[in-house]
Amino acid sequence: MPMDAAERKRRSRARQREDPDKRKLLLEKEKERSMKRRMEAKRSQDEETKSLCREKDRLRKQIYRNKLKAAKTDLKVNESTSSPIGSYKTKRTLKKAVNKVMEAMPVSSTKKEAVVRQLARNILPSLSLEIKNCKDPRSDTISKENVEVVRKFYELDEISRAAPGRKDTISIKDTVTGKRDHVAKRHMTMSVAEAYQLFKKDYPDIKVGKSKFFEFRPPHVRTMNDMPHNVCVCPQHANFLAYYRYLAICQEPPEEDNEVKVMYMKNISKGNEAKQFVTTPNDVSYVAMSEIIEVLPEPTVNTIGNRIYYEFNENVDVFEAG
């Protein structure tokens, strides 16, 4: 009579037990195969399934942590049945123990409170649930709606401009869904203090301090210090005798007074194109960082005599000088 699958499996396990080294090798191979199967199944999951698995794992860990807290101590705090001096025989011995602890306590009252709270959490988990911060919420707490107003204010074109490069993005995680999304970087066209003054002027009813205003800045909105300083466009320049379309190239990093050395150039392209520009060393000037509003791609530089020609691969936005 032929053996069934269960009998063959039993005999195979018996042979493996006779050779421990061989059994260990087989277990290692099976472990690797199982790991590959799990990784393949994990990669084939869609985002919704992954999100459900993360939520299920979070709940499982939460239940386990609660069990540990409950099993950490069997002490039940009940003022009606427990003795006020615990296992001490007299109140005097209890007072001596308390005095020893007080001598080791920090002088600050707030630090004392923090130490006592932490001791209660470590020694009496059930009691620590009753020791909570019962302070009333502050009346000047900023609402979520106002926080969103501040975030949207940072994204206004008057306050910040989107980076032109396709790779100038940042990965941001959604706090609700847990998914990550790539958002284009933006660079502020003014300092945070200047933006704060404009915000107070546009929204006088929203009370927010300067530090909170800076804290609510979205992560993809960078300050002026993070703006690349190689090629920039400036909105105005008043030292020209003639009116013509121009742009400016930053020659050096910002000076100590937060000014940038720029070289202005005249558009010599034909038609409506703005690809070729010419300049002379006399067209160098210094402008404030707040005047720089956009970063341009790196141009090709050609020198003919004492004239410098700049050529871009594609049209660029330029402004009228005046």
C-alpha atoms as a PDB file:
ATOM      1  CA  MET A   1       0.000   0.000   0.000  1.00  0.00           C
ATOM      2  CA  PRO A   2       1.541   3.346  -1.015  1.00  0.00           C
ATOM      3  CA  MET A   3       2.299   5.907   1.689  1.00  0.00           C
ATOM      4  CA  ASP A   4       0.221   9.046   1.933  1.00  0.00           C
ATOM      5  CA  ALA A   5       1.707  12.552   2.103  1.00  0.00           C
ATOM      6  CA  ALA A   6       1.498  12.735   5.907  1.00  0.00           C
ATOM      7  CA  GLU A   7       3.450   9.499   6.343  1.00  0.00           C
ATOM      8  CA  ARG A   8       6.149  10.620   3.901  1.00  0.00           C
ATOM      9  CA  LYS A   9       6.450  13.907   5.786  1.00  0.00           C
ATOM     10  CA  ARG A  10       6.837  12.113   9.143  1.00  0.00           C
ATOM     11  CA  ARG A  11       9.598   9.883   7.795  1.00  0.00           C
ATOM     12  CA  SER A  12      11.356  12.866   6.251  1.00  0.00           C
ATOM     13  CA  ARG A  13      11.340  14.706   9.583  1.00  0.00           C
ATOM     14  CA  ALA A  14      12.643  11.593  11.347  1.00  0.00           C
ATOM     15  CA  ARG A  15      15.598  11.385   8.932  1.00  0.00           C
ATOM     16  CA  GLN A  16      16.299  15.094   9.452  1.00  0.00           C
ATOM     17  CA  ARG A  17      16.404  14.663  13.237  1.00  0.00           C
ATOM     18  CA  GLU A  18      19.057  11.976  12.813  1.00  0.00           C
ATOM     19  CA  ASP A  19      21.364  14.537  11.127  1.00  0.00           C
ATOM     20  CA  PRO A  20      21.167  17.864  13.073  1.00  0.00           C
ATOM     21  CA  ASP A  21      23.557  19.697  10.713  1.00  0.00           C
ATOM     22  CA  LYS A  22      21.525  18.784   7.668  1.00  0.00           C
ATOM     23  CA  ARG A  23      18.305  19.751   9.439  1.00  0.00           C
ATOM     24  CA  LYS A  24      19.778  23.147  10.363  1.00  0.00           C
ATOM     25  CA  LEU A  25      20.782  23.747   6.738  1.00  0.00           C
ATOM     26  CA  LEU A  26      17.293  22.849   5.505  1.00  0.00           C
ATOM     27  CA  LEU A  27      15.707  25.185   8.052  1.00  0.00           C
ATOM     28  CA  GLU A  28      17.958  28.050   6.915  1.00  0.00           C
ATOM     29  CA  LYS A  29      16.964  27.488   3.269  1.00  0.00           C
ATOM     30  CA  GLU A  30      13.286  27.369   4.194  1.00  0.00           C
ATOM     31  CA  LYS A  31      13.732  30.602   6.167  1.00  0.00           C
ATOM     32  CA  GLU A  32      15.198  32.336   3.110  1.00  0.00           C
ATOM     33  CA  ARG A  33      12.386  31.060   0.874  1.00  0.00           C
ATOM     34  CA  SER A  34       9.761  32.265   3.357  1.00  0.00           C
ATOM     35  CA  MET A  35      11.410  35.679   3.530  1.00  0.00           C
ATOM     36  CA  LYS A  36      11.388  35.985  -0.273  1.00  0.00           C
ATOM     37  CA  ARG A  37       7.717  35.000  -0.391  1.00  0.00           C
ATOM     38  CA  ARG A  38       6.826  37.627   2.229  1.00  0.00           C
ATOM     39  CA  MET A  39       8.805  40.351   0.451  1.00  0.00           C
ATOM     40  CA  GLU A  40       7.195  39.484  -2.890  1.00  0.00           C
ATOM     41  CA  ALA A  41       3.724  39.576  -1.347  1.00  0.00           C
ATOM     42  CA  LYS A  42       4.524  42.920   0.297  1.00  0.00           C
ATOM     43  CA  ARG A  43       5.719  44.461  -2.980  1.00  0.00           C
ATOM     44  CA  SER A  44       2.605  43.323  -4.830  1.00  0.00           C
ATOM     45  CA  GLN A  45       0.266  45.058  -2.362  1.00  0.00           C
ATOM     46  CA  ASP A  46      -1.479  48.263  -3.385  1.00  0.00           C
ATOM     47  CA  GLU A  47      -1.405  51.432  -1.278  1.00  0.00           C
ATOM     48  CA  GLU A  48      -4.807  50.772   0.300  1.00  0.00           C
ATOM     49  CA  THR A  49      -3.782  47.283   1.442  1.00  0.00           C
ATOM     50  CA  LYS A  50      -0.499  48.620   2.829  1.00  0.00           C
ATOM     51  CA  SER A  51      -2.375  51.308   4.747  1.00  0.00           C
ATOM     52  CA  LEU A  52      -4.731  48.718   6.262  1.00  0.00           C
ATOM     53  CA  CYS A  53      -1.782  46.516   7.262  1.00  0.00           C
ATOM     54  CA  ARG A  54      -0.058  49.454   8.952  1.00  0.00           C
ATOM     55  CA  GLU A  55      -3.222  50.303  10.883  1.00  0.00           C
ATOM     56  CA  LYS A  56      -3.687  46.671  11.931  1.00  0.00           C
ATOM     57  CA  ASP A  57      -0.066  46.473  13.095  1.00  0.00           C
ATOM     58  CA  ARG A  58      -0.449  49.718  15.035  1.00  0.00           C
ATOM     59  CA  LEU A  59      -3.521  48.414  16.883  1.00  0.00           C
ATOM     60  CA  ARG A  60      -1.793  45.114  17.643  1.00  0.00           C
ATOM     61  CA  LYS A  61       1.187  46.916  19.183  1.00  0.00           C
ATOM     62  CA  GLN A  62      -1.105  49.210  21.149  1.00  0.00           C
ATOM     63  CA  ILE A  63      -2.967  46.241  22.654  1.00  0.00           C
ATOM     64  CA  TYR A  64       0.334  44.579  23.555  1.00  0.00           C
ATOM     65  CA  ARG A  65       1.654  47.718  25.254  1.00  0.00           C
ATOM     66  CA  ASN A  66      -1.548  48.041  27.267  1.00  0.00           C
ATOM     67  CA  LYS A  67      -1.171  44.440  28.431  1.00  0.00           C
ATOM     68  CA  LEU A  68       2.378  45.145  29.569  1.00  0.00           C
ATOM     69  CA  LYS A  69       1.229  48.180  31.535  1.00  0.00           C
ATOM     70  CA  ALA A  70      -1.537  46.199  33.203  1.00  0.00           C
ATOM     71  CA  ALA A  71       0.779  43.284  34.045  1.00  0.00           C
ATOM     72  CA  LYS A  72       3.611  45.480  35.299  1.00  0.00           C
ATOM     73  CA  THR A  73       2.133  45.647  38.733  1.00  0.00           C
ATOM     74  CA  ASP A  74      -0.769  44.030  40.551  1.00  0.00           C
ATOM     75  CA  LEU A  75      -0.949  46.880  43.015  1.00  0.00           C
ATOM     76  CA  LYS A  76      -4.440  48.327  43.183  1.00  0.00           C
ATOM     77  CA  VAL A  77      -4.700  51.783  44.620  1.00  0.00           C
ATOM     78  CA  ASN A  78      -7.794  52.006  46.768  1.00  0.00           C
ATOM     79  CA  GLU A  79      -7.868  54.752  49.360  1.00  0.00           C
ATOM     80  CA  SER A  80     -10.719  53.115  51.300  1.00  0.00           C
ATOM     81  CA  THR A  81      -8.870  49.833  51.935  1.00  0.00           C
ATOM     82  CA  SER A  82      -5.135  50.551  51.693  1.00  0.00           C
ATOM     83  CA  SER A  83      -3.174  51.936  54.618  1.00  0.00           C
ATOM     84  CA  PRO A  84      -1.983  55.549  54.228  1.00  0.00           C
ATOM     85  CA  ILE A  85       1.490  54.558  55.470  1.00  0.00           C
ATOM     86  CA  GLY A  86       1.794  51.431  53.323  1.00  0.00           C
ATOM     87  CA  SER A  87       4.081  48.771  54.769  1.00  0.00           C
ATOM     88  CA  TYR A  88       5.723  51.229  57.180  1.00  0.00           C
ATOM     89  CA  LYS A  89       5.011  50.442  60.830  1.00  0.00           C
ATOM     90  CA  THR A  90       4.730  54.059  61.975  1.00  0.00           C
ATOM     91  CA  LYS A  91       4.171  57.465  60.435  1.00  0.00           C
ATOM     92  CA  ARG A  92       7.574  58.539  61.717  1.00  0.00           C
ATOM     93  CA  THR A  93       9.482  56.003  59.610  1.00  0.00           C
ATOM     94  CA  LEU A  94       7.425  57.014  56.570  1.00  0.00           C
ATOM     95  CA  LYS A  95       8.267  60.668  57.175  1.00  0.00           C
ATOM     96  CA  LYS A  96      11.986  59.851  57.389  1.00  0.00           C
ATOM     97  CA  ALA A  97      11.827  58.089  54.014  1.00  0.00           C
ATOM     98  CA  VAL A  98       9.971  61.043  52.498  1.00  0.00           C
ATOM     99  CA  ASN A  99      12.580  63.479  53.844  1.00  0.00           C
ATOM    100  CA  LYS A 100      15.390  61.451  52.264  1.00  0.00           C
ATOM    101  CA  VAL A 101      13.646  61.632  48.902  1.00  0.00           C
ATOM    102  CA  MET A 102      12.986  65.373  49.265  1.00  0.00           C
ATOM    103  CA  GLU A 103      16.691  66.008  49.928  1.00  0.00           C
ATOM    104  CA  ALA A 104      17.532  64.430  46.569  1.00  0.00           C
ATOM    105  CA  MET A 105      14.829  66.399  44.748  1.00  0.00           C
ATOM    106  CA  PRO A 106      15.764  69.386  42.539  1.00  0.00           C
ATOM    107  CA  VAL A 107      15.149  72.875  43.890  1.00  0.00           C
ATOM    108  CA  SER A 108      12.827  73.955  41.080  1.00  0.00           C
ATOM    109  CA  SER A 109       9.159  73.234  41.782  1.00  0.00           C
ATOM    110  CA  THR A 110       8.437  72.421  38.135  1.00  0.00           C
ATOM    111  CA  LYS A 111      11.306  69.943  38.063  1.00  0.00           C
ATOM    112  CA  LYS A 112      10.031  68.357  41.278  1.00  0.00           C
ATOM    113  CA  GLU A 113       6.635  67.921  39.678  1.00  0.00           C
ATOM    114  CA  ALA A 114       8.198  66.303  36.603  1.00  0.00           C
ATOM    115  CA  VAL A 115      10.191  63.856  38.772  1.00  0.00           C
ATOM    116  CA  VAL A 116       7.121  62.867  40.816  1.00  0.00           C
ATOM    117  CA  ARG A 117       5.045  62.319  37.684  1.00  0.00           C
ATOM    118  CA  GLN A 118       7.716  60.110  36.150  1.00  0.00           C
ATOM    119  CA  LEU A 119       8.064  58.085  39.369  1.00  0.00           C
ATOM    120  CA  ALA A 120       4.304  57.574  39.427  1.00  0.00           C
ATOM    121  CA  ARG A 121       4.367  56.332  35.838  1.00  0.00           C
ATOM    122  CA  ASN A 122       7.226  53.923  36.539  1.00  0.00           C
ATOM    123  CA  ILE A 123       5.997  52.530  39.876  1.00  0.00           C
ATOM    124  CA  LEU A 124       2.202  52.840  39.701  1.00  0.00           C
ATOM    125  CA  PRO A 125       0.896  52.688  36.126  1.00  0.00           C
ATOM    126  CA  SER A 126      -2.705  52.545  37.332  1.00  0.00           C
ATOM    127  CA  LEU A 127      -2.184  55.644  39.461  1.00  0.00           C
ATOM    128  CA  SER A 128      -0.414  57.520  36.683  1.00  0.00           C
ATOM    129  CA  LEU A 129      -3.644  57.534  34.692  1.00  0.00           C
ATOM    130  CA  GLU A 130      -5.165  59.720  37.385  1.00  0.00           C
ATOM    131  CA  ILE A 131      -2.206  62.105  37.534  1.00  0.00           C
ATOM    132  CA  LYS A 132      -2.783  64.171  34.445  1.00  0.00           C
ATOM    133  CA  ASN A 133      -2.123  67.715  33.512  1.00  0.00           C
ATOM    134  CA  CYS A 134      -5.411  69.377  34.357  1.00  0.00           C
ATOM    135  CA  LYS A 135      -4.472  72.827  33.069  1.00  0.00           C
ATOM    136  CA  ASP A 136      -7.206  74.616  31.170  1.00  0.00           C
ATOM    137  CA  PRO A 137      -6.513  75.130  27.457  1.00  0.00           C
ATOM    138  CA  ARG A 138      -5.060  78.511  26.604  1.00  0.00           C
ATOM    139  CA  SER A 139      -7.499  81.079  25.340  1.00  0.00           C
ATOM    140  CA  ASP A 140      -5.059  82.285  22.667  1.00  0.00           C
ATOM    141  CA  THR A 141      -4.515  78.854  21.081  1.00  0.00           C
ATOM    142  CA  ILE A 142      -4.365  79.149  17.289  1.00  0.00           C
ATOM    143  CA  SER A 143      -7.118  77.195  15.565  1.00  0.00           C
ATOM    144  CA  LYS A 144      -6.451  74.710  12.775  1.00  0.00           C
ATOM    145  CA  GLU A 145      -8.288  76.975  10.343  1.00  0.00           C
ATOM    146  CA  ASN A 146      -5.937  79.877  11.092  1.00  0.00           C
ATOM    147  CA  VAL A 147      -2.906  77.603  10.790  1.00  0.00           C
ATOM    148  CA  GLU A 148      -4.113  76.625   7.323  1.00  0.00           C
ATOM    149  CA  VAL A 149      -4.516  80.316   6.440  1.00  0.00           C
ATOM    150  CA  VAL A 150      -0.869  80.923   7.408  1.00  0.00           C
ATOM    151  CA  ARG A 151       0.296  77.960   5.316  1.00  0.00           C
ATOM    152  CA  LYS A 152      -1.660  79.140   2.268  1.00  0.00           C
ATOM    153  CA  PHE A 153      -0.255  82.637   2.752  1.00  0.00           C
ATOM    154  CA  TYR A 154       3.291  81.282   2.388  1.00  0.00           C
ATOM    155  CA  GLU A 155       2.323  79.723  -0.969  1.00  0.00           C
ATOM    156  CA  LEU A 156       1.111  82.992  -2.503  1.00  0.00           C
ATOM    157  CA  ASP A 157       3.093  84.118  -5.551  1.00  0.00           C
ATOM    158  CA  GLU A 158       3.705  87.458  -3.842  1.00  0.00           C
ATOM    159  CA  ILE A 159       5.441  85.678  -0.946  1.00  0.00           C
ATOM    160  CA  SER A 160       7.225  82.762  -2.635  1.00  0.00           C
ATOM    161  CA  ARG A 161       7.918  81.477  -6.129  1.00  0.00           C
ATOM    162  CA  ALA A 162       8.046  77.896  -7.346  1.00  0.00           C
ATOM    163  CA  ALA A 163      11.463  76.503  -8.264  1.00  0.00           C
ATOM    164  CA  PRO A 164      11.752  76.092 -12.061  1.00  0.00           C
ATOM    165  CA  GLY A 165      13.653  72.782 -12.125  1.00  0.00           C
ATOM    166  CA  ARG A 166      11.761  69.531 -12.551  1.00  0.00           C
ATOM    167  CA  LYS A 167      13.915  67.925  -9.874  1.00  0.00           C
ATOM    168  CA  ASP A 168      13.362  70.764  -7.392  1.00  0.00           C
ATOM    169  CA  THR A 169      10.808  68.800  -5.381  1.00  0.00           C
ATOM    170  CA  ILE A 170      10.510  67.572  -1.810  1.00  0.00           C
ATOM    171  CA  SER A 171       8.780  64.451  -0.474  1.00  0.00           C
ATOM    172  CA  ILE A 172       6.133  65.288   2.141  1.00  0.00           C
ATOM    173  CA  LYS A 173       4.210  62.707   4.189  1.00  0.00           C
ATOM    174  CA  ASP A 174       0.490  63.209   4.682  1.00  0.00           C
ATOM    175  CA  THR A 175      -0.251  63.064   8.419  1.00  0.00           C
ATOM    176  CA  VAL A 176      -3.743  61.633   7.777  1.00  0.00           C
ATOM    177  CA  THR A 177      -3.228  58.998   5.069  1.00  0.00           C
ATOM    178  CA  GLY A 178       0.462  58.312   5.708  1.00  0.00           C
ATOM    179  CA  LYS A 179       1.182  58.554   1.975  1.00  0.00           C
ATOM    180  CA  ARG A 180       4.097  60.560   0.580  1.00  0.00           C
ATOM    181  CA  ASP A 181       3.747  63.061  -2.226  1.00  0.00           C
ATOM    182  CA  HIS A 182       6.318  65.074  -4.171  1.00  0.00           C
ATOM    183  CA  VAL A 183       5.704  68.823  -3.970  1.00  0.00           C
ATOM    184  CA  ALA A 184       7.612  71.493  -5.894  1.00  0.00           C
ATOM    185  CA  LYS A 185       9.936  73.601  -3.788  1.00  0.00           C
ATOM    186  CA  ARG A 186       9.165  77.274  -3.340  1.00  0.00           C
ATOM    187  CA  HIS A 187      11.605  80.016  -2.322  1.00  0.00           C
ATOM    188  CA  MET A 188      10.494  83.057  -0.388  1.00  0.00           C
ATOM    189  CA  THR A 189      11.018  86.386  -2.152  1.00  0.00           C
ATOM    190  CA  MET A 190      11.367  88.216   1.154  1.00  0.00           C
ATOM    191  CA  SER A 191      12.420  87.579   4.716  1.00  0.00           C
ATOM    192  CA  VAL A 192      10.103  85.928   7.236  1.00  0.00           C
ATOM    193  CA  ALA A 193       9.848  89.209   9.150  1.00  0.00           C
ATOM    194  CA  GLU A 194       8.692  91.051   6.011  1.00  0.00           C
ATOM    195  CA  ALA A 195       6.177  88.301   5.231  1.00  0.00           C
ATOM    196  CA  TYR A 196       4.913  88.468   8.813  1.00  0.00           C
ATOM    197  CA  GLN A 197       4.262  92.212   8.515  1.00  0.00           C
ATOM    198  CA  LEU A 198       2.305  91.665   5.292  1.00  0.00           C
ATOM    199  CA  PHE A 199       0.312  88.882   6.934  1.00  0.00           C
ATOM    200  CA  LYS A 200      -0.638  91.102   9.882  1.00  0.00           C
ATOM    201  CA  LYS A 201      -1.719  93.767   7.426  1.00  0.00           C
ATOM    202  CA  ASP A 202      -3.870  91.386   5.351  1.00  0.00           C
ATOM    203  CA  TYR A 203      -5.254  89.418   8.330  1.00  0.00           C
ATOM    204  CA  PRO A 204      -5.467  91.801  11.294  1.00  0.00           C
ATOM    205  CA  ASP A 205      -8.050  89.610  13.065  1.00  0.00           C
ATOM    206  CA  ILE A 206      -5.787  86.529  13.232  1.00  0.00           C
ATOM    207  CA  LYS A 207      -3.530  86.692  16.283  1.00  0.00           C
ATOM    208  CA  VAL A 208      -0.278  84.839  15.648  1.00  0.00           C
ATOM    209  CA  GLY A 209       3.216  85.630  16.914  1.00  0.00           C
ATOM    210  CA  LYS A 210       6.310  85.830  14.748  1.00  0.00           C
ATOM    211  CA  SER A 211       7.767  82.598  16.132  1.00  0.00           C
ATOM    212  CA  LYS A 212       4.536  80.687  15.450  1.00  0.00           C
ATOM    213  CA  PHE A 213       4.311  82.295  12.016  1.00  0.00           C
ATOM    214  CA  PHE A 214       7.761  80.904  11.230  1.00  0.00           C
ATOM    215  CA  GLU A 215       6.850  77.510  12.745  1.00  0.00           C
ATOM    216  CA  PHE A 216       3.787  77.152  10.502  1.00  0.00           C
ATOM    217  CA  ARG A 217       5.850  77.630   7.320  1.00  0.00           C
ATOM    218  CA  PRO A 218       5.280  74.589   5.051  1.00  0.00           C
ATOM    219  CA  PRO A 219       8.359  72.376   4.614  1.00  0.00           C
ATOM    220  CA  HIS A 220       8.443  72.897   0.835  1.00  0.00           C
ATOM    221  CA  VAL A 221       8.585  76.693   1.228  1.00  0.00           C
ATOM    222  CA  ARG A 222      12.248  77.567   1.752  1.00  0.00           C
ATOM    223  CA  THR A 223      13.644  80.809   3.127  1.00  0.00           C
ATOM    224  CA  MET A 224      15.716  83.221   1.079  1.00  0.00           C
ATOM    225  CA  ASN A 225      18.922  81.776   2.519  1.00  0.00           C
ATOM    226  CA  ASP A 226      18.172  78.471   0.751  1.00  0.00           C
ATOM    227  CA  MET A 227      17.682  80.113  -2.645  1.00  0.00           C
ATOM    228  CA  PRO A 228      20.374  79.203  -5.232  1.00  0.00           C
ATOM    229  CA  HIS A 229      22.528  82.231  -5.968  1.00  0.00           C
ATOM    230  CA  ASN A 230      23.941  81.437  -9.405  1.00  0.00           C
ATOM    231  CA  VAL A 231      21.364  82.944 -11.797  1.00  0.00           C
ATOM    232  CA  CYS A 232      18.499  85.194 -10.689  1.00  0.00           C
ATOM    233  CA  VAL A 233      15.987  87.659 -12.102  1.00  0.00           C
ATOM    234  CA  CYS A 234      15.466  91.041 -10.428  1.00  0.00           C
ATOM    235  CA  PRO A 235      12.199  93.010 -10.770  1.00  0.00           C
ATOM    236  CA  GLN A 236      13.644  96.516 -11.111  1.00  0.00           C
ATOM    237  CA  HIS A 237      16.834  98.497 -11.657  1.00  0.00           C
ATOM    238  CA  ALA A 238      16.883 102.308 -11.908  1.00  0.00           C
ATOM    239  CA  ASN A 239      20.446 102.960 -13.146  1.00  0.00           C
ATOM    240  CA  PHE A 240      19.757 102.495 -16.856  1.00  0.00           C
ATOM    241  CA  LEU A 241      19.568 105.433 -19.271  1.00  0.00           C
ATOM    242  CA  ALA A 242      17.455 103.490 -21.779  1.00  0.00           C
ATOM    243  CA  TYR A 243      14.490 101.176 -21.433  1.00  0.00           C
ATOM    244  CA  TYR A 244      14.995  97.586 -22.525  1.00  0.00           C
ATOM    245  CA  ARG A 245      14.255  94.064 -21.442  1.00  0.00           C
ATOM    246  CA  TYR A 246      16.882  92.668 -19.089  1.00  0.00           C
ATOM    247  CA  LEU A 247      17.788  89.964 -16.606  1.00  0.00           C
ATOM    248  CA  ALA A 248      20.528  89.634 -13.993  1.00  0.00           C
ATOM    249  CA  ILE A 249      23.112  86.980 -13.172  1.00  0.00           C
ATOM    250  CA  CYS A 250      24.392  86.735  -9.615  1.00  0.00           C
ATOM    251  CA  GLN A 251      28.179  86.827  -9.688  1.00  0.00           C
ATOM    252  CA  GLU A 252      28.908  85.985  -6.055  1.00  0.00           C
ATOM    253  CA  PRO A 253      27.162  84.701  -2.909  1.00  0.00           C
ATOM    254  CA  PRO A 254      25.356  87.317  -0.777  1.00  0.00           C
ATOM    255  CA  GLU A 255      27.475  89.936   0.990  1.00  0.00           C
ATOM    256  CA  GLU A 256      27.433  90.458   4.756  1.00  0.00           C
ATOM    257  CA  ASP A 257      24.709  93.095   4.343  1.00  0.00           C
ATOM    258  CA  ASN A 258      22.547  90.521   2.493  1.00  0.00           C
ATOM    259  CA  GLU A 259      23.109  92.124  -0.913  1.00  0.00           C
ATOM    260  CA  VAL A 260      23.958  90.232  -4.094  1.00  0.00           C
ATOM    261  CA  LYS A 261      26.366  91.285  -6.840  1.00  0.00           C
ATOM    262  CA  VAL A 262      24.539  90.988 -10.186  1.00  0.00           C
ATOM    263  CA  MET A 263      25.332  91.640 -13.867  1.00  0.00           C
ATOM    264  CA  TYR A 264      22.509  93.087 -15.976  1.00  0.00           C
ATOM    265  CA  MET A 265      22.111  92.078 -19.631  1.00  0.00           C
ATOM    266  CA  LYS A 266      20.258  93.450 -22.650  1.00  0.00           C
ATOM    267  CA  ASN A 267      18.062  91.120 -24.702  1.00  0.00           C
ATOM    268  CA  ILE A 268      19.375  90.910 -28.293  1.00  0.00           C
ATOM    269  CA  SER A 269      17.233  87.982 -29.456  1.00  0.00           C
ATOM    270  CA  LYS A 270      15.112  88.417 -32.570  1.00  0.00           C
ATOM    271  CA  GLY A 271      11.344  88.458 -32.409  1.00  0.00           C
ATOM    272  CA  ASN A 272       9.677  87.535 -29.135  1.00  0.00           C
ATOM    273  CA  GLU A 273      12.417  85.130 -28.104  1.00  0.00           C
ATOM    274  CA  ALA A 274      14.518  85.821 -25.026  1.00  0.00           C
ATOM    275  CA  LYS A 275      17.508  83.510 -25.395  1.00  0.00           C
ATOM    276  CA  GLN A 276      20.511  85.699 -26.227  1.00  0.00           C
ATOM    277  CA  PHE A 277      21.781  88.558 -24.068  1.00  0.00           C
ATOM    278  CA  VAL A 278      24.780  90.887 -24.083  1.00  0.00           C
ATOM    279  CA  THR A 279      26.392  92.910 -21.302  1.00  0.00           C
ATOM    280  CA  THR A 280      29.496  94.876 -20.316  1.00  0.00           C
ATOM    281  CA  PRO A 281      31.355  94.962 -16.993  1.00  0.00           C
ATOM    282  CA  ASN A 282      29.816  98.404 -16.358  1.00  0.00           C
ATOM    283  CA  ASP A 283      26.423  96.774 -15.940  1.00  0.00           C
ATOM    284  CA  VAL A 284      27.357  95.342 -12.522  1.00  0.00           C
ATOM    285  CA  SER A 285      25.318  96.454  -9.526  1.00  0.00           C
ATOM    286  CA  TYR A 286      24.310  95.331  -6.029  1.00  0.00           C
ATOM    287  CA  VAL A 287      20.709  94.541  -5.133  1.00  0.00           C
ATOM    288  CA  ALA A 288      18.981  93.361  -1.975  1.00  0.00           C
ATOM    289  CA  MET A 289      18.090  89.697  -1.605  1.00  0.00           C
ATOM    290  CA  SER A 290      14.414  90.657  -1.389  1.00  0.00           C
ATOM    291  CA  GLU A 291      14.538  91.838  -5.035  1.00  0.00           C
ATOM    292  CA  ILE A 292      15.495  88.414  -6.385  1.00  0.00           C
ATOM    293  CA  ILE A 293      12.355  86.576  -7.424  1.00  0.00           C
ATOM    294  CA  GLU A 294      13.313  83.670  -9.687  1.00  0.00           C
ATOM    295  CA  VAL A 295      16.207  81.309 -10.379  1.00  0.00           C
ATOM    296  CA  LEU A 296      17.130  80.751 -14.043  1.00  0.00           C
ATOM    297  CA  PRO A 297      18.963  77.855 -15.727  1.00  0.00           C
ATOM    298  CA  GLU A 298      22.712  78.106 -16.261  1.00  0.00           C
ATOM    299  CA  PRO A 299      23.515  79.920 -19.582  1.00  0.00           C
ATOM    300  CA  THR A 300      26.260  79.317 -22.137  1.00  0.00           C
ATOM    301  CA  VAL A 301      28.861  82.131 -22.029  1.00  0.00           C
ATOM    302  CA  ASN A 302      30.670  83.415 -25.164  1.00  0.00           C
ATOM    303  CA  THR A 303      33.207  86.284 -25.222  1.00  0.00           C
ATOM    304  CA  ILE A 304      33.817  88.422 -28.346  1.00  0.00           C
ATOM    305  CA  GLY A 305      36.217  91.309 -27.728  1.00  0.00           C
ATOM    306  CA  ASN A 306      35.167  93.126 -24.585  1.00  0.00           C
ATOM    307  CA  ARG A 307      31.572  91.972 -24.927  1.00  0.00           C
ATOM    308  CA  ILE A 308      30.128  88.980 -23.085  1.00  0.00           C
ATOM    309  CA  TYR A 309      27.244  87.068 -24.682  1.00  0.00           C
ATOM    310  CA  TYR A 310      24.956  84.772 -22.716  1.00  0.00           C
ATOM    311  CA  GLU A 311      22.736  82.191 -24.405  1.00  0.00           C
ATOM    312  CA  PHE A 312      20.040  80.038 -22.800  1.00  0.00           C
ATOM    313  CA  ASN A 313      18.694  76.762 -24.168  1.00  0.00           C
ATOM    314  CA  GLU A 314      15.118  78.030 -23.916  1.00  0.00           C
ATOM    315  CA  ASN A 315      13.242  81.269 -23.557  1.00  0.00           C
ATOM    316  CA  VAL A 316      13.442  82.987 -20.172  1.00  0.00           C
ATOM    317  CA  ASP A 317      11.140  85.507 -18.516  1.00  0.00           C
ATOM    318  CA  VAL A 318      12.696  88.973 -18.374  1.00  0.00           C
ATOM    319  CA  PHE A 319      11.484  92.354 -17.139  1.00  0.00           C
ATOM    320  CA  GLU A 320      11.415  95.940 -18.400  1.00  0.00           C
ATOM    321  CA  ALA A 321      14.084  98.182 -16.908  1.00  0.00           C
ATOM    322  CA  GLY A 322      13.059 101.610 -15.813  1.00  0.00           C
END
